[in-house]
Amino acid sequence: MANKRNKFEIKINDRFTITRDPYNYILNETKMVKDKETGAIKQIRGGQWYYGKLESVLRGFIDHCDGVQGVEVRTVQDYIKLIKDAENDALNVLKREAAKYEQTVK
């Protein structure tokens, strides 16, 4: 059986997606352009930006969408807040468990 890799992809909207390689989160921009010869509309890669953390790529998305109509940035900011809240919850649990452990060691 072939080794299947799960493809990580978050579609933010028709223009931006987030993918991942082993080292980075990648913000991918897709543009629709008209072919000069045929007149057909085709999809091309507009740009790629690399980030070390998911939160960073979401912030990068906000930066790249500044002034772009039809982009709902508020939902991305809410997502960043959820990530921060989850990080804080995890840290609080670790601190509580570390305190319990220290009490049992004494």
PDB file of N, CA and C in Angstrom:
ATOM      1  N   MET A   1       0.836  -1.172   0.000  1.00  0.00           N
ATOM      2  CA  MET A   1       0.000   0.000   0.000  1.00  0.00           C
ATOM      3  C   MET A   1       0.883   1.238   0.000  1.00  0.00           C
ATOM      4  N   ALA A   2       0.570   2.181  -0.836  1.00  0.00           N
ATOM      5  CA  ALA A   2       1.356   3.416  -0.937  1.00  0.00           C
ATOM      6  C   ALA A   2       1.139   4.276   0.298  1.00  0.00           C
ATOM      7  N   ASN A   3       2.187   5.001   0.663  1.00  0.00           N
ATOM      8  CA  ASN A   3       2.114   5.902   1.802  1.00  0.00           C
ATOM      9  C   ASN A   3       1.342   7.152   1.397  1.00  0.00           C
ATOM     10  N   LYS A   4       0.140   7.316   1.961  1.00  0.00           N
ATOM     11  CA  LYS A   4      -0.666   8.489   1.630  1.00  0.00           C
ATOM     12  C   LYS A   4      -0.399   9.580   2.644  1.00  0.00           C
ATOM     13  N   ARG A   5      -0.225  10.789   2.157  1.00  0.00           N
ATOM     14  CA  ARG A   5      -0.053  11.942   3.037  1.00  0.00           C
ATOM     15  C   ARG A   5      -1.347  12.729   3.028  1.00  0.00           C
ATOM     16  N   ASN A   6      -1.769  13.162   4.204  1.00  0.00           N
ATOM     17  CA  ASN A   6      -2.926  14.033   4.271  1.00  0.00           C
ATOM     18  C   ASN A   6      -2.514  15.406   3.776  1.00  0.00           C
ATOM     19  N   LYS A   7      -3.297  15.949   2.880  1.00  0.00           N
ATOM     20  CA  LYS A   7      -2.995  17.264   2.353  1.00  0.00           C
ATOM     21  C   LYS A   7      -3.626  18.302   3.269  1.00  0.00           C
ATOM     22  N   PHE A   8      -2.809  19.178   3.795  1.00  0.00           N
ATOM     23  CA  PHE A   8      -3.274  20.258   4.655  1.00  0.00           C
ATOM     24  C   PHE A   8      -3.652  21.427   3.769  1.00  0.00           C
ATOM     25  N   GLU A   9      -4.909  21.830   3.819  1.00  0.00           N
ATOM     26  CA  GLU A   9      -5.344  22.984   3.044  1.00  0.00           C
ATOM     27  C   GLU A   9      -6.524  23.642   3.729  1.00  0.00           C
ATOM     28  N   ILE A  10      -6.410  24.941   3.924  1.00  0.00           N
ATOM     29  CA  ILE A  10      -7.509  25.746   4.441  1.00  0.00           C
ATOM     30  C   ILE A  10      -7.870  26.737   3.345  1.00  0.00           C
ATOM     31  N   LYS A  11      -9.098  26.645   2.859  1.00  0.00           N
ATOM     32  CA  LYS A  11      -9.549  27.602   1.846  1.00  0.00           C
ATOM     33  C   LYS A  11     -10.177  28.779   2.585  1.00  0.00           C
ATOM     34  N   ILE A  12      -9.533  29.930   2.495  1.00  0.00           N
ATOM     35  CA  ILE A  12     -10.041  31.116   3.163  1.00  0.00           C
ATOM     36  C   ILE A  12     -11.159  31.730   2.330  1.00  0.00           C
ATOM     37  N   ASN A  13     -10.923  31.867   1.050  1.00  0.00           N
ATOM     38  CA  ASN A  13     -11.925  32.381   0.108  1.00  0.00           C
ATOM     39  C   ASN A  13     -11.496  31.950  -1.290  1.00  0.00           C
ATOM     40  N   ASP A  14     -12.126  32.484  -2.323  1.00  0.00           N
ATOM     41  CA  ASP A  14     -11.777  32.086  -3.695  1.00  0.00           C
ATOM     42  C   ASP A  14     -10.381  32.519  -4.098  1.00  0.00           C
ATOM     43  N   ARG A  15      -9.816  33.460  -3.372  1.00  0.00           N
ATOM     44  CA  ARG A  15      -8.515  34.016  -3.751  1.00  0.00           C
ATOM     45  C   ARG A  15      -7.343  33.470  -2.930  1.00  0.00           C
ATOM     46  N   PHE A  16      -7.576  33.072  -1.684  1.00  0.00           N
ATOM     47  CA  PHE A  16      -6.482  32.653  -0.807  1.00  0.00           C
ATOM     48  C   PHE A  16      -6.731  31.284  -0.182  1.00  0.00           C
ATOM     49  N   THR A  17      -5.662  30.480  -0.127  1.00  0.00           N
ATOM     50  CA  THR A  17      -5.667  29.221   0.611  1.00  0.00           C
ATOM     51  C   THR A  17      -4.388  29.147   1.443  1.00  0.00           C
ATOM     52  N   ILE A  18      -4.436  28.310   2.464  1.00  0.00           N
ATOM     53  CA  ILE A  18      -3.254  28.041   3.280  1.00  0.00           C
ATOM     54  C   ILE A  18      -2.925  26.567   3.101  1.00  0.00           C
ATOM     55  N   THR A  19      -1.679  26.293   2.752  1.00  0.00           N
ATOM     56  CA  THR A  19      -1.196  24.922   2.656  1.00  0.00           C
ATOM     57  C   THR A  19       0.002  24.783   3.593  1.00  0.00           C
ATOM     58  N   ARG A  20       0.600  23.613   3.592  1.00  0.00           N
ATOM     59  CA  ARG A  20       1.705  23.375   4.504  1.00  0.00           C
ATOM     60  C   ARG A  20       2.723  22.451   3.862  1.00  0.00           C
ATOM     61  N   ASP A  21       4.005  22.745   4.099  1.00  0.00           N
ATOM     62  CA  ASP A  21       5.065  21.800   3.762  1.00  0.00           C
ATOM     63  C   ASP A  21       5.666  21.364   5.108  1.00  0.00           C
ATOM     64  N   PRO A  22       6.704  20.536   5.121  1.00  0.00           N
ATOM     65  CA  PRO A  22       7.227  20.070   6.415  1.00  0.00           C
ATOM     66  C   PRO A  22       7.753  21.185   7.331  1.00  0.00           C
ATOM     67  N   TYR A  23       8.028  22.361   6.788  1.00  0.00           N
ATOM     68  CA  TYR A  23       8.662  23.413   7.567  1.00  0.00           C
ATOM     69  C   TYR A  23       7.827  24.679   7.727  1.00  0.00           C
ATOM     70  N   ASN A  24       6.856  24.904   6.849  1.00  0.00           N
ATOM     71  CA  ASN A  24       6.159  26.188   6.810  1.00  0.00           C
ATOM     72  C   ASN A  24       4.669  26.038   6.573  1.00  0.00           C
ATOM     73  N   TYR A  25       3.957  27.079   6.973  1.00  0.00           N
ATOM     74  CA  TYR A  25       2.591  27.311   6.502  1.00  0.00           C
ATOM     75  C   TYR A  25       2.734  28.266   5.327  1.00  0.00           C
ATOM     76  N   ILE A  26       1.972  28.034   4.264  1.00  0.00           N
ATOM     77  CA  ILE A  26       2.137  28.806   3.034  1.00  0.00           C
ATOM     78  C   ILE A  26       0.811  29.474   2.674  1.00  0.00           C
ATOM     79  N   LEU A  27       0.864  30.793   2.537  1.00  0.00           N
ATOM     80  CA  LEU A  27      -0.286  31.543   2.064  1.00  0.00           C
ATOM     81  C   LEU A  27      -0.198  31.600   0.549  1.00  0.00           C
ATOM     82  N   ASN A  28      -1.205  31.061  -0.130  1.00  0.00           N
ATOM     83  CA  ASN A  28      -1.226  30.982  -1.588  1.00  0.00           C
ATOM     84  C   ASN A  28      -2.303  31.908  -2.126  1.00  0.00           C
ATOM     85  N   GLU A  29      -1.925  32.739  -3.070  1.00  0.00           N
ATOM     86  CA  GLU A  29      -2.895  33.615  -3.722  1.00  0.00           C
ATOM     87  C   GLU A  29      -3.156  33.081  -5.123  1.00  0.00           C
ATOM     88  N   THR A  30      -4.421  33.031  -5.498  1.00  0.00           N
ATOM     89  CA  THR A  30      -4.821  32.601  -6.827  1.00  0.00           C
ATOM     90  C   THR A  30      -5.495  33.778  -7.526  1.00  0.00           C
ATOM     91  N   LYS A  31      -5.138  33.987  -8.778  1.00  0.00           N
ATOM     92  CA  LYS A  31      -5.737  35.075  -9.557  1.00  0.00           C
ATOM     93  C   LYS A  31      -6.404  34.498 -10.790  1.00  0.00           C
ATOM     94  N   MET A  32      -7.461  35.154 -11.216  1.00  0.00           N
ATOM     95  CA  MET A  32      -8.144  34.787 -12.449  1.00  0.00           C
ATOM     96  C   MET A  32      -7.721  35.795 -13.514  1.00  0.00           C
ATOM     97  N   VAL A  33      -7.212  35.301 -14.634  1.00  0.00           N
ATOM     98  CA  VAL A  33      -6.769  36.181 -15.723  1.00  0.00           C
ATOM     99  C   VAL A  33      -7.394  35.721 -17.037  1.00  0.00           C
ATOM    100  N   LYS A  34      -7.492  36.651 -17.950  1.00  0.00           N
ATOM    101  CA  LYS A  34      -8.051  36.350 -19.259  1.00  0.00           C
ATOM    102  C   LYS A  34      -6.919  36.044 -20.227  1.00  0.00           C
ATOM    103  N   ASP A  35      -6.997  34.903 -20.886  1.00  0.00           N
ATOM    104  CA  ASP A  35      -6.006  34.525 -21.889  1.00  0.00           C
ATOM    105  C   ASP A  35      -6.141  35.458 -23.096  1.00  0.00           C
ATOM    106  N   LYS A  36      -5.037  36.083 -23.491  1.00  0.00           N
ATOM    107  CA  LYS A  36      -5.067  37.068 -24.590  1.00  0.00           C
ATOM    108  C   LYS A  36      -5.463  36.441 -25.928  1.00  0.00           C
ATOM    109  N   GLU A  37      -5.059  35.201 -26.147  1.00  0.00           N
ATOM    110  CA  GLU A  37      -5.334  34.557 -27.432  1.00  0.00           C
ATOM    111  C   GLU A  37      -6.758  34.009 -27.525  1.00  0.00           C
ATOM    112  N   THR A  38      -7.166  33.282 -26.494  1.00  0.00           N
ATOM    113  CA  THR A  38      -8.467  32.600 -26.558  1.00  0.00           C
ATOM    114  C   THR A  38      -9.586  33.375 -25.877  1.00  0.00           C
ATOM    115  N   GLY A  39      -9.236  34.286 -24.984  1.00  0.00           N
ATOM    116  CA  GLY A  39     -10.249  35.014 -24.229  1.00  0.00           C
ATOM    117  C   GLY A  39     -10.795  34.242 -23.050  1.00  0.00           C
ATOM    118  N   ALA A  40     -10.294  33.021 -22.873  1.00  0.00           N
ATOM    119  CA  ALA A  40     -10.763  32.182 -21.765  1.00  0.00           C
ATOM    120  C   ALA A  40     -10.187  32.687 -20.440  1.00  0.00           C
ATOM    121  N   ILE A  41     -10.961  32.543 -19.420  1.00  0.00           N
ATOM    122  CA  ILE A  41     -10.513  32.903 -18.073  1.00  0.00           C
ATOM    123  C   ILE A  41      -9.792  31.695 -17.485  1.00  0.00           C
ATOM    124  N   LYS A  42      -8.590  31.927 -16.988  1.00  0.00           N
ATOM    125  CA  LYS A  42      -7.852  30.826 -16.367  1.00  0.00           C
ATOM    126  C   LYS A  42      -7.319  31.258 -15.015  1.00  0.00           C
ATOM    127  N   GLN A  43      -7.041  30.269 -14.219  1.00  0.00           N
ATOM    128  CA  GLN A  43      -6.571  30.486 -12.856  1.00  0.00           C
ATOM    129  C   GLN A  43      -5.046  30.353 -12.822  1.00  0.00           C
ATOM    130  N   ILE A  44      -4.370  31.336 -12.202  1.00  0.00           N
ATOM    131  CA  ILE A  44      -2.917  31.280 -12.059  1.00  0.00           C
ATOM    132  C   ILE A  44      -2.538  31.560 -10.611  1.00  0.00           C
ATOM    133  N   ARG A  45      -1.331  31.167 -10.248  1.00  0.00           N
ATOM    134  CA  ARG A  45      -0.825  31.469  -8.911  1.00  0.00           C
ATOM    135  C   ARG A  45      -0.399  32.926  -8.879  1.00  0.00           C
ATOM    136  N   GLY A  46      -0.944  33.661  -7.903  1.00  0.00           N
ATOM    137  CA  GLY A  46      -0.601  35.068  -7.769  1.00  0.00           C
ATOM    138  C   GLY A  46       0.626  35.292  -6.917  1.00  0.00           C
ATOM    139  N   GLY A  47       0.795  34.499  -5.902  1.00  0.00           N
ATOM    140  CA  GLY A  47       1.938  34.647  -5.018  1.00  0.00           C
ATOM    141  C   GLY A  47       1.911  33.607  -3.929  1.00  0.00           C
ATOM    142  N   GLN A  48       3.062  33.422  -3.276  1.00  0.00           N
ATOM    143  CA  GLN A  48       3.182  32.516  -2.138  1.00  0.00           C
ATOM    144  C   GLN A  48       4.041  33.191  -1.088  1.00  0.00           C
ATOM    145  N   TRP A  49       3.598  33.089   0.156  1.00  0.00           N
ATOM    146  CA  TRP A  49       4.347  33.645   1.280  1.00  0.00           C
ATOM    147  C   TRP A  49       4.456  32.572   2.346  1.00  0.00           C
ATOM    148  N   TYR A  50       5.632  32.460   2.949  1.00  0.00           N
ATOM    149  CA  TYR A  50       5.925  31.381   3.887  1.00  0.00           C
ATOM    150  C   TYR A  50       5.996  31.906   5.315  1.00  0.00           C
ATOM    151  N   TYR A  51       5.405  31.123   6.245  1.00  0.00           N
ATOM    152  CA  TYR A  51       5.350  31.505   7.662  1.00  0.00           C
ATOM    153  C   TYR A  51       5.616  30.281   8.518  1.00  0.00           C
ATOM    154  N   GLY A  52       6.183  30.510   9.688  1.00  0.00           N
ATOM    155  CA  GLY A  52       6.508  29.415  10.595  1.00  0.00           C
ATOM    156  C   GLY A  52       5.343  28.927  11.435  1.00  0.00           C
ATOM    157  N   LYS A  53       4.341  29.768  11.638  1.00  0.00           N
ATOM    158  CA  LYS A  53       3.208  29.410  12.495  1.00  0.00           C
ATOM    159  C   LYS A  53       1.895  29.713  11.789  1.00  0.00           C
ATOM    160  N   LEU A  54       0.859  28.966  12.177  1.00  0.00           N
ATOM    161  CA  LEU A  54      -0.453  29.192  11.598  1.00  0.00           C
ATOM    162  C   LEU A  54      -0.953  30.595  11.922  1.00  0.00           C
ATOM    163  N   GLU A  55      -0.729  31.045  13.130  1.00  0.00           N
ATOM    164  CA  GLU A  55      -1.148  32.400  13.501  1.00  0.00           C
ATOM    165  C   GLU A  55      -0.471  33.437  12.600  1.00  0.00           C
ATOM    166  N   SER A  56       0.800  33.236  12.308  1.00  0.00           N
ATOM    167  CA  SER A  56       1.541  34.177  11.457  1.00  0.00           C
ATOM    168  C   SER A  56       0.980  34.224  10.041  1.00  0.00           C
ATOM    169  N   VAL A  57       0.628  33.064   9.491  1.00  0.00           N
ATOM    170  CA  VAL A  57       0.090  33.051   8.132  1.00  0.00           C
ATOM    171  C   VAL A  57      -1.277  33.737   8.101  1.00  0.00           C
ATOM    172  N   LEU A  58      -2.063  33.587   9.159  1.00  0.00           N
ATOM    173  CA  LEU A  58      -3.354  34.274   9.206  1.00  0.00           C
ATOM    174  C   LEU A  58      -3.162  35.781   9.305  1.00  0.00           C
ATOM    175  N   ARG A  59      -2.162  36.197  10.067  1.00  0.00           N
ATOM    176  CA  ARG A  59      -1.847  37.630  10.127  1.00  0.00           C
ATOM    177  C   ARG A  59      -1.340  38.119   8.763  1.00  0.00           C
ATOM    178  N   GLY A  60      -0.568  37.290   8.075  1.00  0.00           N
ATOM    179  CA  GLY A  60      -0.104  37.630   6.732  1.00  0.00           C
ATOM    180  C   GLY A  60      -1.268  37.793   5.772  1.00  0.00           C
ATOM    181  N   PHE A  61      -2.260  36.924   5.908  1.00  0.00           N
ATOM    182  CA  PHE A  61      -3.459  37.043   5.082  1.00  0.00           C
ATOM    183  C   PHE A  61      -4.121  38.400   5.317  1.00  0.00           C
ATOM    184  N   ILE A  62      -4.233  38.797   6.560  1.00  0.00           N
ATOM    185  CA  ILE A  62      -4.836  40.092   6.882  1.00  0.00           C
ATOM    186  C   ILE A  62      -4.047  41.210   6.213  1.00  0.00           C
ATOM    187  N   ASP A  63      -2.720  41.147   6.283  1.00  0.00           N
ATOM    188  CA  ASP A  63      -1.880  42.173   5.658  1.00  0.00           C
ATOM    189  C   ASP A  63      -2.077  42.223   4.139  1.00  0.00           C
ATOM    190  N   HIS A  64      -2.142  41.061   3.494  1.00  0.00           N
ATOM    191  CA  HIS A  64      -2.280  41.011   2.036  1.00  0.00           C
ATOM    192  C   HIS A  64      -3.675  41.422   1.571  1.00  0.00           C
ATOM    193  N   CYS A  65      -4.645  41.353   2.453  1.00  0.00           N
ATOM    194  CA  CYS A  65      -6.024  41.690   2.079  1.00  0.00           C
ATOM    195  C   CYS A  65      -6.399  43.110   2.440  1.00  0.00           C
ATOM    196  N   ASP A  66      -5.475  43.871   2.953  1.00  0.00           N
ATOM    197  CA  ASP A  66      -5.787  45.239   3.337  1.00  0.00           C
ATOM    198  C   ASP A  66      -6.340  45.996   2.124  1.00  0.00           C
ATOM    199  N   GLY A  67      -7.567  46.446   2.231  1.00  0.00           N
ATOM    200  CA  GLY A  67      -8.180  47.209   1.147  1.00  0.00           C
ATOM    201  C   GLY A  67      -8.796  46.376   0.044  1.00  0.00           C
ATOM    202  N   VAL A  68      -8.812  45.051   0.179  1.00  0.00           N
ATOM    203  CA  VAL A  68      -9.413  44.192  -0.839  1.00  0.00           C
ATOM    204  C   VAL A  68     -10.901  44.056  -0.546  1.00  0.00           C
ATOM    205  N   GLN A  69     -11.731  44.363  -1.513  1.00  0.00           N
ATOM    206  CA  GLN A  69     -13.176  44.257  -1.317  1.00  0.00           C
ATOM    207  C   GLN A  69     -13.602  42.801  -1.282  1.00  0.00           C
ATOM    208  N   GLY A  70     -14.623  42.542  -0.491  1.00  0.00           N
ATOM    209  CA  GLY A  70     -15.197  41.202  -0.451  1.00  0.00           C
ATOM    210  C   GLY A  70     -14.448  40.220   0.421  1.00  0.00           C
ATOM    211  N   VAL A  71     -13.477  40.679   1.200  1.00  0.00           N
ATOM    212  CA  VAL A  71     -12.733  39.785   2.083  1.00  0.00           C
ATOM    213  C   VAL A  71     -13.176  40.055   3.512  1.00  0.00           C
ATOM    214  N   GLU A  72     -13.649  39.023   4.162  1.00  0.00           N
ATOM    215  CA  GLU A  72     -14.118  39.151   5.537  1.00  0.00           C
ATOM    216  C   GLU A  72     -12.946  38.856   6.470  1.00  0.00           C
ATOM    217  N   VAL A  73     -12.278  39.902   6.894  1.00  0.00           N
ATOM    218  CA  VAL A  73     -11.097  39.750   7.736  1.00  0.00           C
ATOM    219  C   VAL A  73     -11.493  39.441   9.173  1.00  0.00           C
ATOM    220  N   ARG A  74     -12.644  39.905   9.592  1.00  0.00           N
ATOM    221  CA  ARG A  74     -13.055  39.709  10.978  1.00  0.00           C
ATOM    222  C   ARG A  74     -13.041  38.231  11.368  1.00  0.00           C
ATOM    223  N   THR A  75     -13.445  37.351  10.483  1.00  0.00           N
ATOM    224  CA  THR A  75     -13.472  35.938  10.811  1.00  0.00           C
ATOM    225  C   THR A  75     -12.065  35.384  11.013  1.00  0.00           C
ATOM    226  N   VAL A  76     -11.106  35.872  10.276  1.00  0.00           N
ATOM    227  CA  VAL A  76      -9.722  35.428  10.458  1.00  0.00           C
ATOM    228  C   VAL A  76      -9.194  35.918  11.804  1.00  0.00           C
ATOM    229  N   GLN A  77      -9.496  37.163  12.144  1.00  0.00           N
ATOM    230  CA  GLN A  77      -9.061  37.682  13.434  1.00  0.00           C
ATOM    231  C   GLN A  77      -9.699  36.892  14.571  1.00  0.00           C
ATOM    232  N   ASP A  78     -10.950  36.513  14.401  1.00  0.00           N
ATOM    233  CA  ASP A  78     -11.609  35.683  15.402  1.00  0.00           C
ATOM    234  C   ASP A  78     -10.892  34.336  15.527  1.00  0.00           C
ATOM    235  N   TYR A  79     -10.464  33.786  14.381  1.00  0.00           N
ATOM    236  CA  TYR A  79      -9.751  32.512  14.395  1.00  0.00           C
ATOM    237  C   TYR A  79      -8.421  32.642  15.134  1.00  0.00           C
ATOM    238  N   ILE A  80      -7.725  33.744  14.910  1.00  0.00           N
ATOM    239  CA  ILE A  80      -6.472  33.985  15.628  1.00  0.00           C
ATOM    240  C   ILE A  80      -6.734  34.047  17.130  1.00  0.00           C
ATOM    241  N   LYS A  81      -7.822  34.712  17.521  1.00  0.00           N
ATOM    242  CA  LYS A  81      -8.172  34.790  18.940  1.00  0.00           C
ATOM    243  C   LYS A  81      -8.432  33.394  19.499  1.00  0.00           C
ATOM    244  N   LEU A  82      -9.124  32.540  18.738  1.00  0.00           N
ATOM    245  CA  LEU A  82      -9.370  31.172  19.186  1.00  0.00           C
ATOM    246  C   LEU A  82      -8.060  30.416  19.393  1.00  0.00           C
ATOM    247  N   ILE A  83      -7.102  30.618  18.493  1.00  0.00           N
ATOM    248  CA  ILE A  83      -5.794  29.970  18.628  1.00  0.00           C
ATOM    249  C   ILE A  83      -5.112  30.451  19.906  1.00  0.00           C
ATOM    250  N   LYS A  84      -5.121  31.756  20.135  1.00  0.00           N
ATOM    251  CA  LYS A  84      -4.501  32.317  21.341  1.00  0.00           C
ATOM    252  C   LYS A  84      -5.190  31.783  22.595  1.00  0.00           C
ATOM    253  N   ASP A  85      -6.524  31.737  22.576  1.00  0.00           N
ATOM    254  CA  ASP A  85      -7.264  31.220  23.727  1.00  0.00           C
ATOM    255  C   ASP A  85      -6.907  29.765  24.000  1.00  0.00           C
ATOM    256  N   ALA A  86      -6.795  28.961  22.943  1.00  0.00           N
ATOM    257  CA  ALA A  86      -6.429  27.548  23.102  1.00  0.00           C
ATOM    258  C   ALA A  86      -5.018  27.416  23.665  1.00  0.00           C
ATOM    259  N   GLU A  87      -4.086  28.258  23.191  1.00  0.00           N
ATOM    260  CA  GLU A  87      -2.723  28.246  23.737  1.00  0.00           C
ATOM    261  C   GLU A  87      -2.729  28.585  25.217  1.00  0.00           C
ATOM    262  N   ASN A  88      -3.488  29.619  25.590  1.00  0.00           N
ATOM    263  CA  ASN A  88      -3.566  30.016  27.003  1.00  0.00           C
ATOM    264  C   ASN A  88      -4.183  28.920  27.856  1.00  0.00           C
ATOM    265  N   ASP A  89      -5.242  28.267  27.352  1.00  0.00           N
ATOM    266  CA  ASP A  89      -5.860  27.158  28.086  1.00  0.00           C
ATOM    267  C   ASP A  89      -4.860  26.034  28.300  1.00  0.00           C
ATOM    268  N   ALA A  90      -4.099  25.689  27.260  1.00  0.00           N
ATOM    269  CA  ALA A  90      -3.106  24.615  27.376  1.00  0.00           C
ATOM    270  C   ALA A  90      -2.027  24.984  28.388  1.00  0.00           C
ATOM    271  N   LEU A  91      -1.555  26.226  28.354  1.00  0.00           N
ATOM    272  CA  LEU A  91      -0.537  26.661  29.310  1.00  0.00           C
ATOM    273  C   LEU A  91      -1.065  26.616  30.738  1.00  0.00           C
ATOM    274  N   ASN A  92      -2.313  27.020  30.932  1.00  0.00           N
ATOM    275  CA  ASN A  92      -2.900  26.982  32.272  1.00  0.00           C
ATOM    276  C   ASN A  92      -3.010  25.558  32.800  1.00  0.00           C
ATOM    277  N   VAL A  93      -3.395  24.621  31.933  1.00  0.00           N
ATOM    278  CA  VAL A  93      -3.465  23.215  32.340  1.00  0.00           C
ATOM    279  C   VAL A  93      -2.080  22.707  32.709  1.00  0.00           C
ATOM    280  N   LEU A  94      -1.070  23.029  31.895  1.00  0.00           N
ATOM    281  CA  LEU A  94       0.299  22.596  32.201  1.00  0.00           C
ATOM    282  C   LEU A  94       0.779  23.165  33.534  1.00  0.00           C
ATOM    283  N   LYS A  95       0.495  24.432  33.790  1.00  0.00           N
ATOM    284  CA  LYS A  95       0.901  25.051  35.056  1.00  0.00           C
ATOM    285  C   LYS A  95       0.224  24.367  36.237  1.00  0.00           C
ATOM    286  N   ARG A  96      -1.095  24.084  36.081  1.00  0.00           N
ATOM    287  CA  ARG A  96      -1.827  23.406  37.163  1.00  0.00           C
ATOM    288  C   ARG A  96      -1.248  22.032  37.434  1.00  0.00           C
ATOM    289  N   GLU A  97      -1.003  21.277  36.383  1.00  0.00           N
ATOM    290  CA  GLU A  97      -0.459  19.925  36.543  1.00  0.00           C
ATOM    291  C   GLU A  97       0.952  19.954  37.116  1.00  0.00           C
ATOM    292  N   ALA A  98       1.763  20.945  36.694  1.00  0.00           N
ATOM    293  CA  ALA A  98       3.119  21.077  37.243  1.00  0.00           C
ATOM    294  C   ALA A  98       3.052  21.398  38.726  1.00  0.00           C
ATOM    295  N   ALA A  99       2.108  22.244  39.135  1.00  0.00           N
ATOM    296  CA  ALA A  99       1.958  22.578  40.564  1.00  0.00           C
ATOM    297  C   ALA A  99       1.545  21.362  41.360  1.00  0.00           C
ATOM    298  N   LYS A 100       0.625  20.544  40.823  1.00  0.00           N
ATOM    299  CA  LYS A 100       0.209  19.304  41.494  1.00  0.00           C
ATOM    300  C   LYS A 100       1.398  18.368  41.656  1.00  0.00           C
ATOM    301  N   TYR A 101       2.191  18.231  40.610  1.00  0.00           N
ATOM    302  CA  TYR A 101       3.353  17.348  40.640  1.00  0.00           C
ATOM    303  C   TYR A 101       4.353  17.819  41.692  1.00  0.00           C
ATOM    304  N   GLU A 102       4.596  19.123  41.735  1.00  0.00           N
ATOM    305  CA  GLU A 102       5.549  19.671  42.715  1.00  0.00           C
ATOM    306  C   GLU A 102       5.080  19.408  44.148  1.00  0.00           C
ATOM    307  N   GLN A 103       3.784  19.439  44.396  1.00  0.00           N
ATOM    308  CA  GLN A 103       3.256  19.176  45.733  1.00  0.00           C
ATOM    309  C   GLN A 103       3.435  17.725  46.119  1.00  0.00           C
ATOM    310  N   THR A 104       3.353  16.809  45.163  1.00  0.00           N
ATOM    311  CA  THR A 104       3.518  15.395  45.486  1.00  0.00           C
ATOM    312  C   THR A 104       4.979  15.022  45.672  1.00  0.00           C
ATOM    313  N   VAL A 105       5.885  15.785  45.077  1.00  0.00           N
ATOM    314  CA  VAL A 105       7.316  15.485  45.181  1.00  0.00           C
ATOM    315  C   VAL A 105       7.857  15.941  46.537  1.00  0.00           C
ATOM    316  N   LYS A 106       7.300  16.991  47.120  1.00  0.00           N
ATOM    317  CA  LYS A 106       7.801  17.538  48.385  1.00  0.00           C
ATOM    318  C   LYS A 106       7.644  16.608  49.536  1.00  0.00           C
TER     319      LYS A 106
END
